């Protein structure tokens, strides 16, 4: 029986070290679940933002074409010239184009930020996979250690 106590005492520091490392596992798993939730949400947000960008690009192009048509000879340009409101109409059309272009650029920046965050999450996923493998390895070591201690109580020689 004293051999068993000696064996347990000799293995105690290793057991404590392995147990302490496993204490972090729950925190890491919780962080991983939160990250995966964020990843799913980002995937939806990216899809929606891509749709917005396409619509805003089309709006910006439409407004640009309106400005271009007003500057060049067209029915709209002629009507504005005849009514004496060409400068007013041109300023209004250019304002609409600038607003549409700014909205398009803002949406593209937001999309890029979301895509960048998504890429960072993918990198973090690899880290979590490595951490999971590490915890699995620690658990295996802990089980081997416990098996050694338990076998000592059956066979009175301590395994180092």
C-alpha atoms as a PDB file:
ATOM      1  CA  UNK A   1       0.000   0.000   0.000  1.00  0.00           C
ATOM      2  CA  UNK A   2       2.866   2.384   0.663  1.00  0.00           C
ATOM      3  CA  UNK A   3       4.124   1.712  -2.855  1.00  0.00           C
ATOM      4  CA  UNK A   4       0.768   2.882  -4.164  1.00  0.00           C
ATOM      5  CA  UNK A   5       0.996   6.044  -2.082  1.00  0.00           C
ATOM      6  CA  UNK A   6       4.544   6.653  -3.300  1.00  0.00           C
ATOM      7  CA  UNK A   7       3.476   6.130  -6.883  1.00  0.00           C
ATOM      8  CA  UNK A   8       0.538   8.522  -6.489  1.00  0.00           C
ATOM      9  CA  UNK A   9       2.780  11.077  -4.810  1.00  0.00           C
ATOM     10  CA  UNK A  10       5.372  10.780  -7.594  1.00  0.00           C
ATOM     11  CA  UNK A  11       2.730  11.239 -10.276  1.00  0.00           C
ATOM     12  CA  UNK A  12       0.871  14.061  -8.469  1.00  0.00           C
ATOM     13  CA  UNK A  13       2.758  16.911 -10.138  1.00  0.00           C
ATOM     14  CA  UNK A  14       2.178  15.450 -13.581  1.00  0.00           C
ATOM     15  CA  UNK A  15      -1.491  14.890 -12.773  1.00  0.00           C
ATOM     16  CA  UNK A  16      -1.848  18.489 -11.526  1.00  0.00           C
ATOM     17  CA  UNK A  17      -0.141  19.887 -14.624  1.00  0.00           C
ATOM     18  CA  UNK A  18      -2.381  17.906 -16.975  1.00  0.00           C
ATOM     19  CA  UNK A  19      -5.508  18.724 -14.975  1.00  0.00           C
ATOM     20  CA  UNK A  20      -4.648  22.430 -14.954  1.00  0.00           C
ATOM     21  CA  UNK A  21      -4.257  22.426 -18.731  1.00  0.00           C
ATOM     22  CA  UNK A  22      -7.666  20.812 -19.126  1.00  0.00           C
ATOM     23  CA  UNK A  23      -9.296  23.570 -17.060  1.00  0.00           C
ATOM     24  CA  UNK A  24      -8.931  25.874 -20.069  1.00  0.00           C
ATOM     25  CA  UNK A  25     -10.802  23.497 -22.341  1.00  0.00           C
ATOM     26  CA  UNK A  26     -14.295  24.642 -21.369  1.00  0.00           C
ATOM     27  CA  UNK A  27     -13.385  28.293 -21.906  1.00  0.00           C
ATOM     28  CA  UNK A  28     -11.840  27.499 -25.276  1.00  0.00           C
ATOM     29  CA  UNK A  29     -14.899  25.483 -26.338  1.00  0.00           C
ATOM     30  CA  UNK A  30     -17.205  28.334 -25.307  1.00  0.00           C
ATOM     31  CA  UNK A  31     -15.124  30.803 -27.326  1.00  0.00           C
ATOM     32  CA  UNK A  32     -15.212  28.418 -30.279  1.00  0.00           C
ATOM     33  CA  UNK A  33     -19.019  28.144 -30.134  1.00  0.00           C
ATOM     34  CA  UNK A  34     -19.299  31.942 -30.045  1.00  0.00           C
ATOM     35  CA  UNK A  35     -16.929  32.207 -32.991  1.00  0.00           C
ATOM     36  CA  UNK A  36     -18.936  29.692 -35.013  1.00  0.00           C
ATOM     37  CA  UNK A  37     -22.147  31.615 -34.268  1.00  0.00           C
ATOM     38  CA  UNK A  38     -20.454  34.798 -35.464  1.00  0.00           C
ATOM     39  CA  UNK A  39     -19.225  32.990 -38.577  1.00  0.00           C
ATOM     40  CA  UNK A  40     -22.770  31.846 -39.444  1.00  0.00           C
ATOM     41  CA  UNK A  41     -24.144  35.344 -38.883  1.00  0.00           C
ATOM     42  CA  UNK A  42     -21.372  36.876 -41.000  1.00  0.00           C
ATOM     43  CA  UNK A  43     -22.075  34.461 -43.851  1.00  0.00           C
ATOM     44  CA  UNK A  44     -25.685  35.694 -43.943  1.00  0.00           C
ATOM     45  CA  UNK A  45     -24.614  39.342 -43.624  1.00  0.00           C
ATOM     46  CA  UNK A  46     -22.049  38.937 -46.427  1.00  0.00           C
ATOM     47  CA  UNK A  47     -24.683  37.470 -48.734  1.00  0.00           C
ATOM     48  CA  UNK A  48     -27.066  40.331 -47.998  1.00  0.00           C
ATOM     49  CA  UNK A  49     -24.323  42.937 -48.389  1.00  0.00           C
ATOM     50  CA  UNK A  50     -23.269  41.446 -51.746  1.00  0.00           C
ATOM     51  CA  UNK A  51     -26.862  41.815 -52.922  1.00  0.00           C
ATOM     52  CA  UNK A  52     -26.883  45.420 -51.674  1.00  0.00           C
ATOM     53  CA  UNK A  53     -23.620  46.181 -53.479  1.00  0.00           C
ATOM     54  CA  UNK A  54     -24.995  44.823 -56.759  1.00  0.00           C
ATOM     55  CA  UNK A  55     -28.147  46.933 -56.406  1.00  0.00           C
ATOM     56  CA  UNK A  56     -26.150  50.035 -55.434  1.00  0.00           C
ATOM     57  CA  UNK A  57     -23.767  49.542 -58.367  1.00  0.00           C
ATOM     58  CA  UNK A  58     -26.766  49.412 -60.703  1.00  0.00           C
ATOM     59  CA  UNK A  59     -28.237  52.554 -59.104  1.00  0.00           C
ATOM     60  CA  UNK A  60     -24.894  54.360 -59.348  1.00  0.00           C
ATOM     61  CA  UNK A  61     -24.544  53.375 -63.007  1.00  0.00           C
ATOM     62  CA  UNK A  62     -28.090  54.568 -63.732  1.00  0.00           C
ATOM     63  CA  UNK A  63     -27.439  57.932 -62.071  1.00  0.00           C
ATOM     64  CA  UNK A  64     -24.131  58.284 -63.936  1.00  0.00           C
ATOM     65  CA  UNK A  65     -25.884  57.625 -67.229  1.00  0.00           C
ATOM     66  CA  UNK A  66     -28.501  60.266 -66.360  1.00  0.00           C
ATOM     67  CA  UNK A  67     -25.727  62.829 -65.757  1.00  0.00           C
ATOM     68  CA  UNK A  68     -23.937  61.810 -68.949  1.00  0.00           C
ATOM     69  CA  UNK A  69     -27.147  62.078 -70.984  1.00  0.00           C
ATOM     70  CA  UNK A  70     -27.803  65.541 -69.556  1.00  0.00           C
ATOM     71  CA  UNK A  71     -24.302  66.745 -70.433  1.00  0.00           C
ATOM     72  CA  UNK A  72     -24.465  65.435 -73.974  1.00  0.00           C
ATOM     73  CA  UNK A  73     -27.111  66.073 -76.540  1.00  0.00           C
ATOM     74  CA  UNK A  74     -30.267  64.212 -75.621  1.00  0.00           C
ATOM     75  CA  UNK A  75     -33.974  64.832 -75.345  1.00  0.00           C
ATOM     76  CA  UNK A  76     -33.622  65.416 -71.601  1.00  0.00           C
ATOM     77  CA  UNK A  77     -30.739  67.841 -72.171  1.00  0.00           C
ATOM     78  CA  UNK A  78     -32.670  69.736 -74.839  1.00  0.00           C
ATOM     79  CA  UNK A  79     -35.753  69.993 -72.628  1.00  0.00           C
ATOM     80  CA  UNK A  80     -33.687  71.300 -69.711  1.00  0.00           C
ATOM     81  CA  UNK A  81     -31.925  73.815 -71.980  1.00  0.00           C
ATOM     82  CA  UNK A  82     -35.204  75.074 -73.444  1.00  0.00           C
ATOM     83  CA  UNK A  83     -36.763  75.511 -70.023  1.00  0.00           C
ATOM     84  CA  UNK A  84     -33.665  77.368 -68.825  1.00  0.00           C
ATOM     85  CA  UNK A  85     -33.173  74.916 -65.979  1.00  0.00           C
ATOM     86  CA  UNK A  86     -30.264  72.956 -67.381  1.00  0.00           C
ATOM     87  CA  UNK A  87     -27.834  73.981 -64.597  1.00  0.00           C
ATOM     88  CA  UNK A  88     -30.428  73.247 -61.907  1.00  0.00           C
ATOM     89  CA  UNK A  89     -31.342  69.870 -63.411  1.00  0.00           C
ATOM     90  CA  UNK A  90     -27.650  69.022 -63.932  1.00  0.00           C
ATOM     91  CA  UNK A  91     -26.827  69.876 -60.313  1.00  0.00           C
ATOM     92  CA  UNK A  92     -29.716  67.745 -59.098  1.00  0.00           C
ATOM     93  CA  UNK A  93     -28.692  64.795 -61.298  1.00  0.00           C
ATOM     94  CA  UNK A  94     -25.039  65.100 -60.244  1.00  0.00           C
ATOM     95  CA  UNK A  95     -26.091  65.196 -56.594  1.00  0.00           C
ATOM     96  CA  UNK A  96     -28.127  62.014 -57.050  1.00  0.00           C
ATOM     97  CA  UNK A  97     -25.158  60.376 -58.779  1.00  0.00           C
ATOM     98  CA  UNK A  98     -22.701  61.376 -56.028  1.00  0.00           C
ATOM     99  CA  UNK A  99     -25.061  60.091 -53.347  1.00  0.00           C
ATOM    100  CA  UNK A 100     -25.530  56.800 -55.179  1.00  0.00           C
ATOM    101  CA  UNK A 101     -21.770  56.476 -55.720  1.00  0.00           C
ATOM    102  CA  UNK A 102     -21.025  57.204 -52.037  1.00  0.00           C
ATOM    103  CA  UNK A 103     -23.606  54.630 -50.954  1.00  0.00           C
ATOM    104  CA  UNK A 104     -22.056  52.076 -53.308  1.00  0.00           C
ATOM    105  CA  UNK A 105     -18.533  52.741 -51.993  1.00  0.00           C
ATOM    106  CA  UNK A 106     -19.675  52.579 -48.350  1.00  0.00           C
ATOM    107  CA  UNK A 107     -21.425  49.268 -48.983  1.00  0.00           C
ATOM    108  CA  UNK A 108     -18.287  47.899 -50.667  1.00  0.00           C
ATOM    109  CA  UNK A 109     -16.151  48.938 -47.662  1.00  0.00           C
ATOM    110  CA  UNK A 110     -18.625  47.306 -45.287  1.00  0.00           C
ATOM    111  CA  UNK A 111     -18.582  44.145 -47.405  1.00  0.00           C
ATOM    112  CA  UNK A 112     -14.774  44.088 -47.406  1.00  0.00           C
ATOM    113  CA  UNK A 113     -14.745  44.494 -43.606  1.00  0.00           C
ATOM    114  CA  UNK A 114     -17.172  41.607 -43.182  1.00  0.00           C
ATOM    115  CA  UNK A 115     -15.173  39.431 -45.571  1.00  0.00           C
ATOM    116  CA  UNK A 116     -11.988  40.277 -43.703  1.00  0.00           C
ATOM    117  CA  UNK A 117     -13.573  39.367 -40.372  1.00  0.00           C
ATOM    118  CA  UNK A 118     -14.821  36.116 -41.916  1.00  0.00           C
ATOM    119  CA  UNK A 119     -11.293  35.297 -43.108  1.00  0.00           C
ATOM    120  CA  UNK A 120      -9.971  35.936 -39.588  1.00  0.00           C
ATOM    121  CA  UNK A 121     -12.575  33.542 -38.201  1.00  0.00           C
ATOM    122  CA  UNK A 122     -11.424  30.881 -40.655  1.00  0.00           C
ATOM    123  CA  UNK A 123      -7.850  31.332 -39.389  1.00  0.00           C
ATOM    124  CA  UNK A 124      -9.066  31.115 -35.793  1.00  0.00           C
ATOM    125  CA  UNK A 125     -10.887  27.880 -36.639  1.00  0.00           C
ATOM    126  CA  UNK A 126      -7.540  26.298 -37.474  1.00  0.00           C
ATOM    127  CA  UNK A 127      -6.200  27.407 -34.106  1.00  0.00           C
ATOM    128  CA  UNK A 128      -9.192  25.880 -32.335  1.00  0.00           C
ATOM    129  CA  UNK A 129      -8.666  22.613 -34.203  1.00  0.00           C
ATOM    130  CA  UNK A 130      -5.076  22.524 -32.962  1.00  0.00           C
ATOM    131  CA  UNK A 131      -6.220  23.290 -29.432  1.00  0.00           C
ATOM    132  CA  UNK A 132      -8.798  20.502 -29.564  1.00  0.00           C
ATOM    133  CA  UNK A 133      -6.118  18.056 -30.663  1.00  0.00           C
ATOM    134  CA  UNK A 134      -3.913  19.282 -27.810  1.00  0.00           C
ATOM    135  CA  UNK A 135      -6.695  18.747 -25.267  1.00  0.00           C
ATOM    136  CA  UNK A 136      -7.347  15.280 -26.651  1.00  0.00           C
ATOM    137  CA  UNK A 137      -3.656  14.472 -26.269  1.00  0.00           C
ATOM    138  CA  UNK A 138      -3.658  15.778 -22.682  1.00  0.00           C
ATOM    139  CA  UNK A 139      -6.730  13.702 -21.869  1.00  0.00           C
ATOM    140  CA  UNK A 140      -4.984  10.628 -23.284  1.00  0.00           C
ATOM    141  CA  UNK A 141      -1.904  11.340 -21.152  1.00  0.00           C
ATOM    142  CA  UNK A 142      -4.092  11.799 -18.095  1.00  0.00           C
ATOM    143  CA  UNK A 143      -5.852   8.492 -18.746  1.00  0.00           C
ATOM    144  CA  UNK A 144      -2.507   6.711 -19.117  1.00  0.00           C
ATOM    145  CA  UNK A 145      -1.351   8.244 -15.859  1.00  0.00           C
ATOM    146  CA  UNK A 146      -4.519   7.160 -14.067  1.00  0.00           C
ATOM    147  CA  UNK A 147      -4.196   3.666 -15.537  1.00  0.00           C
ATOM    148  CA  UNK A 148      -0.631   3.488 -14.194  1.00  0.00           C
ATOM    149  CA  UNK A 149      -1.751   4.549 -10.727  1.00  0.00           C
ATOM    150  CA  UNK A 150      -4.672   2.128 -10.787  1.00  0.00           C
ATOM    151  CA  UNK A 151      -2.483  -0.705 -11.989  1.00  0.00           C
ATOM    152  CA  UNK A 152      -0.147   0.046  -9.072  1.00  0.00           C
ATOM    153  CA  UNK A 153      -2.934  -0.652  -6.615  1.00  0.00           C
ATOM    154  CA  UNK A 154      -3.404  -4.039  -8.296  1.00  0.00           C
ATOM    155  CA  UNK A 155       0.307  -4.750  -8.972  1.00  0.00           C
ATOM    156  CA  UNK A 156       2.522  -3.274  -6.262  1.00  0.00           C
ATOM    157  CA  UNK A 157       5.235  -1.765  -8.471  1.00  0.00           C
ATOM    158  CA  UNK A 158       5.229   1.850  -9.545  1.00  0.00           C
ATOM    159  CA  UNK A 159       5.556   2.653 -13.238  1.00  0.00           C
ATOM    160  CA  UNK A 160       7.421   5.836 -14.096  1.00  0.00           C
END
